[in-house]
Amino acid sequence: MPFGFKEVEGIHSRTNFDLSQHAQYSGKKIEYFDPELNESYTPYVIETSIGVDRMFLSIMCAAYKEEALEGGDTRVVLNLPPVLAPVKACVMPLVKKDGLPEKAREVMDMLKFDFKTTYDEKDSIGKRYRRQDAIGTPFCITIDHDTLTDNCVTVRYRDTMEQDRVNINDLHALIAKAVDMKQLYKKIME
């Protein structure tokens, strides 16, 4: 951890002490007969404990970054794997007029039943991106004036800050692939 060593999981070999004590004080035999060895014995116990709080702290420490940007600015970003990010996408109209908020609500309604999605129209688009970076939202979806004619939105990726024009009909598949636990397992296994 950034502040020093912290145990995340404890693994303790209790040998046969616990079961032997239980057998002694309860008066009941707790033994296993092994047919291959043709003998009985009291099994050993391995006790593990892992705290959700410690696991959460480990993930947060690993994900928190402060990145230096051009011009001397700093960006706080929570690089959570998309599958772990509490909010998967934020839908943002570029401005609060000209039919963009209404179109943004349509996009939000399309995604909100399958993914935790938020809506943000307060402040400049850059400030909104920074807010979402800080809470770990992997996708920001911006609705602009061209969206009304070409049915495409700008998707900004948290980790790279790159942006792509994506058809609204392809948004669901793009997000679903990124937040699919199977995809994360495949990536880990490579």
Protein backbone atom coordinates (compact mmCIF):
# COMPACT_ATOMS: atom_id res chain seq x y z
CA MET A 1 0.00 0.00 0.00
CA PRO A 2 1.23 3.57 -0.45
CA PHE A 3 1.37 3.96 3.34
CA GLY A 4 3.19 0.68 4.05
CA PHE A 5 2.52 -3.03 4.42
CA LYS A 6 -1.07 -4.08 5.14
CA GLU A 7 -2.26 -7.67 5.34
CA VAL A 8 -5.04 -8.33 2.83
CA GLU A 9 -5.65 -12.01 3.54
CA GLY A 10 -4.69 -14.19 6.47
CA ILE A 11 -4.05 -17.89 5.91
CA HIS A 12 -3.56 -19.98 9.04
CA SER A 13 -2.77 -23.68 9.30
CA ARG A 14 -4.69 -24.82 12.36
CA THR A 15 -3.45 -28.45 11.93
CA ASN A 16 -5.86 -30.83 13.69
CA PHE A 17 -5.98 -28.76 16.88
CA ASP A 18 -9.50 -27.34 16.50
CA LEU A 19 -11.18 -30.62 15.57
CA SER A 20 -9.21 -32.59 18.18
CA GLN A 21 -10.31 -30.14 20.88
CA HIS A 22 -13.90 -30.36 19.70
CA ALA A 23 -13.76 -34.17 19.76
CA GLN A 24 -12.19 -34.18 23.23
CA TYR A 25 -14.78 -31.87 24.81
CA SER A 26 -17.85 -33.11 22.94
CA GLY A 27 -17.00 -36.78 23.39
CA LYS A 28 -17.66 -37.43 19.69
CA LYS A 29 -15.04 -38.78 17.31
CA ILE A 30 -14.29 -36.45 14.40
CA GLU A 31 -12.17 -38.63 12.20
CA TYR A 32 -11.91 -39.45 8.55
CA PHE A 33 -11.27 -43.01 7.40
CA ASP A 34 -8.92 -43.12 4.41
CA PRO A 35 -9.57 -46.38 2.52
CA GLU A 36 -6.29 -46.13 0.60
CA LEU A 37 -4.21 -45.85 3.77
CA ASN A 38 -6.62 -48.04 5.73
CA GLU A 39 -6.46 -45.68 8.70
CA SER A 40 -8.48 -42.99 10.46
CA TYR A 41 -7.23 -39.54 11.30
CA THR A 42 -8.48 -36.12 12.42
CA PRO A 43 -8.29 -33.78 9.42
CA TYR A 44 -6.23 -30.59 9.38
CA VAL A 45 -7.98 -27.24 8.98
CA ILE A 46 -6.73 -24.32 6.92
CA GLU A 47 -8.43 -21.11 8.02
CA THR A 48 -8.48 -18.14 5.66
CA SER A 49 -9.89 -14.71 6.22
CA ILE A 50 -10.09 -11.88 3.78
CA GLY A 51 -11.64 -8.57 4.61
CA VAL A 52 -13.77 -6.78 2.06
CA ASP A 53 -12.55 -3.48 3.51
CA ARG A 54 -8.91 -4.43 2.91
CA MET A 55 -9.64 -5.69 -0.59
CA PHE A 56 -11.50 -2.45 -1.38
CA LEU A 57 -8.59 -0.38 -0.04
CA SER A 58 -6.13 -2.33 -2.19
CA ILE A 59 -8.19 -1.78 -5.33
CA MET A 60 -8.63 1.92 -4.61
CA CYS A 61 -4.92 2.44 -3.91
CA ALA A 62 -3.97 0.70 -7.14
CA ALA A 63 -6.53 2.63 -9.21
CA TYR A 64 -5.98 6.18 -7.90
CA LYS A 65 -3.72 8.27 -10.15
CA GLU A 66 -2.75 11.90 -10.43
CA GLU A 67 -1.56 12.53 -13.97
CA ALA A 68 0.37 15.57 -15.18
CA LEU A 69 -1.19 17.07 -18.29
CA GLU A 70 0.06 19.50 -20.91
CA GLY A 71 0.03 23.05 -19.63
CA GLY A 72 0.90 22.02 -16.08
CA ASP A 73 -2.58 20.84 -15.06
CA THR A 74 -3.14 17.67 -13.08
CA ARG A 75 -5.89 15.16 -13.67
CA VAL A 76 -7.20 12.88 -10.91
CA VAL A 77 -8.34 9.61 -12.40
CA LEU A 78 -9.61 6.41 -10.84
CA ASN A 79 -8.40 3.71 -13.26
CA LEU A 80 -10.80 1.03 -12.07
CA PRO A 81 -11.31 -1.84 -14.48
CA PRO A 82 -14.59 -1.00 -16.26
CA VAL A 83 -16.19 -4.14 -14.81
CA LEU A 84 -15.58 -2.77 -11.27
CA ALA A 85 -16.47 0.87 -11.97
CA PRO A 86 -19.67 1.78 -10.09
CA VAL A 87 -20.82 4.08 -12.93
CA LYS A 88 -20.25 2.64 -16.40
CA ALA A 89 -21.17 5.67 -18.52
CA CYS A 90 -22.14 9.31 -18.25
CA VAL A 91 -24.34 10.88 -20.91
CA MET A 92 -23.72 14.59 -21.54
CA PRO A 93 -25.32 17.04 -23.91
CA LEU A 94 -22.72 19.49 -25.22
CA VAL A 95 -25.04 22.40 -24.36
CA LYS A 96 -28.35 22.72 -22.48
CA LYS A 97 -30.39 23.79 -25.52
CA ASP A 98 -31.18 23.07 -29.18
CA GLY A 99 -32.72 19.65 -28.44
CA LEU A 100 -29.45 18.17 -27.15
CA PRO A 101 -30.71 17.47 -23.60
CA GLU A 102 -33.73 15.65 -25.02
CA LYS A 103 -31.54 13.49 -27.29
CA ALA A 104 -29.18 12.84 -24.36
CA ARG A 105 -32.13 11.62 -22.26
CA GLU A 106 -33.09 9.23 -25.08
CA VAL A 107 -29.57 7.78 -25.07
CA MET A 108 -29.63 7.55 -21.29
CA ASP A 109 -32.98 5.75 -21.36
CA MET A 110 -31.56 3.27 -23.88
CA LEU A 111 -28.60 2.38 -21.61
CA LYS A 112 -29.85 2.78 -18.04
CA PHE A 113 -31.54 -0.61 -17.66
CA ASP A 114 -28.37 -2.54 -18.49
CA PHE A 115 -25.66 -0.25 -17.09
CA LYS A 116 -25.38 2.20 -14.21
CA THR A 117 -25.52 5.42 -16.20
CA THR A 118 -25.56 9.04 -15.07
CA TYR A 119 -26.52 12.28 -16.76
CA ASP A 120 -24.58 15.55 -16.46
CA GLU A 121 -25.20 18.93 -18.09
CA LYS A 122 -23.63 21.25 -15.49
CA ASP A 123 -20.41 23.21 -16.28
CA SER A 124 -18.19 22.98 -19.36
CA ILE A 125 -17.65 19.62 -21.05
CA GLY A 126 -14.02 19.56 -19.84
CA LYS A 127 -15.04 19.96 -16.20
CA ARG A 128 -17.64 17.24 -16.63
CA TYR A 129 -15.02 14.88 -18.08
CA ARG A 130 -12.73 15.58 -15.10
CA ARG A 131 -15.52 14.84 -12.61
CA GLN A 132 -16.18 11.50 -14.27
CA ASP A 133 -12.43 10.69 -14.41
CA ALA A 134 -12.19 11.25 -10.66
CA ILE A 135 -15.00 8.76 -9.88
CA GLY A 136 -13.75 6.17 -12.39
CA THR A 137 -16.47 6.34 -15.08
CA PRO A 138 -14.93 4.53 -18.07
CA PHE A 139 -17.13 6.11 -20.79
CA CYS A 140 -18.38 9.65 -21.34
CA ILE A 141 -20.94 9.94 -24.11
CA THR A 142 -21.33 13.44 -25.56
CA ILE A 143 -24.34 14.44 -27.60
CA ASP A 144 -23.59 17.35 -29.95
CA HIS A 145 -25.40 19.12 -32.79
CA ASP A 146 -24.20 16.54 -35.34
CA THR A 147 -25.87 13.78 -33.29
CA LEU A 148 -29.25 15.11 -34.32
CA THR A 149 -28.44 14.49 -38.01
CA ASP A 150 -26.01 11.53 -38.09
CA ASN A 151 -27.21 9.55 -35.01
CA CYS A 152 -23.60 9.37 -33.76
CA VAL A 153 -22.15 10.46 -30.41
CA THR A 154 -18.64 11.16 -29.19
CA VAL A 155 -17.38 8.51 -26.77
CA ARG A 156 -14.47 9.62 -24.58
CA TYR A 157 -12.42 6.88 -22.94
CA ARG A 158 -11.31 7.63 -19.39
CA ASP A 159 -7.92 5.96 -19.44
CA THR A 160 -6.59 7.40 -22.71
CA MET A 161 -8.78 10.52 -23.04
CA GLU A 162 -9.19 9.52 -26.71
CA GLN A 163 -12.50 10.16 -28.40
CA ASP A 164 -14.37 8.24 -31.10
CA ARG A 165 -17.53 8.92 -33.05
CA VAL A 166 -19.85 5.97 -32.49
CA ASN A 167 -23.31 5.27 -33.81
CA ILE A 168 -25.88 5.32 -31.02
CA ASN A 169 -26.99 1.81 -32.03
CA ASP A 170 -23.45 0.51 -31.29
CA LEU A 171 -23.15 2.02 -27.78
CA HIS A 172 -24.72 -0.90 -25.94
CA ALA A 173 -22.34 -3.46 -27.47
CA LEU A 174 -19.29 -1.22 -26.85
CA ILE A 175 -20.06 -0.82 -23.15
CA ALA A 176 -21.21 -4.43 -22.68
CA LYS A 177 -17.92 -5.79 -24.03
CA ALA A 178 -15.88 -3.56 -21.70
CA VAL A 179 -17.84 -4.43 -18.55
CA ASP A 180 -18.18 -8.18 -19.23
CA MET A 181 -16.50 -10.20 -16.47
CA LYS A 182 -15.58 -12.92 -18.99
CA GLN A 183 -13.53 -10.40 -20.98
CA LEU A 184 -11.66 -9.40 -17.81
CA TYR A 185 -10.88 -13.06 -17.05
CA LYS A 186 -9.58 -13.59 -20.59
CA LYS A 187 -7.34 -10.54 -20.27
CA ILE A 188 -5.96 -11.76 -16.93
CA MET A 189 -5.27 -15.22 -18.35
CA GLU A 190 -3.19 -13.89 -21.29
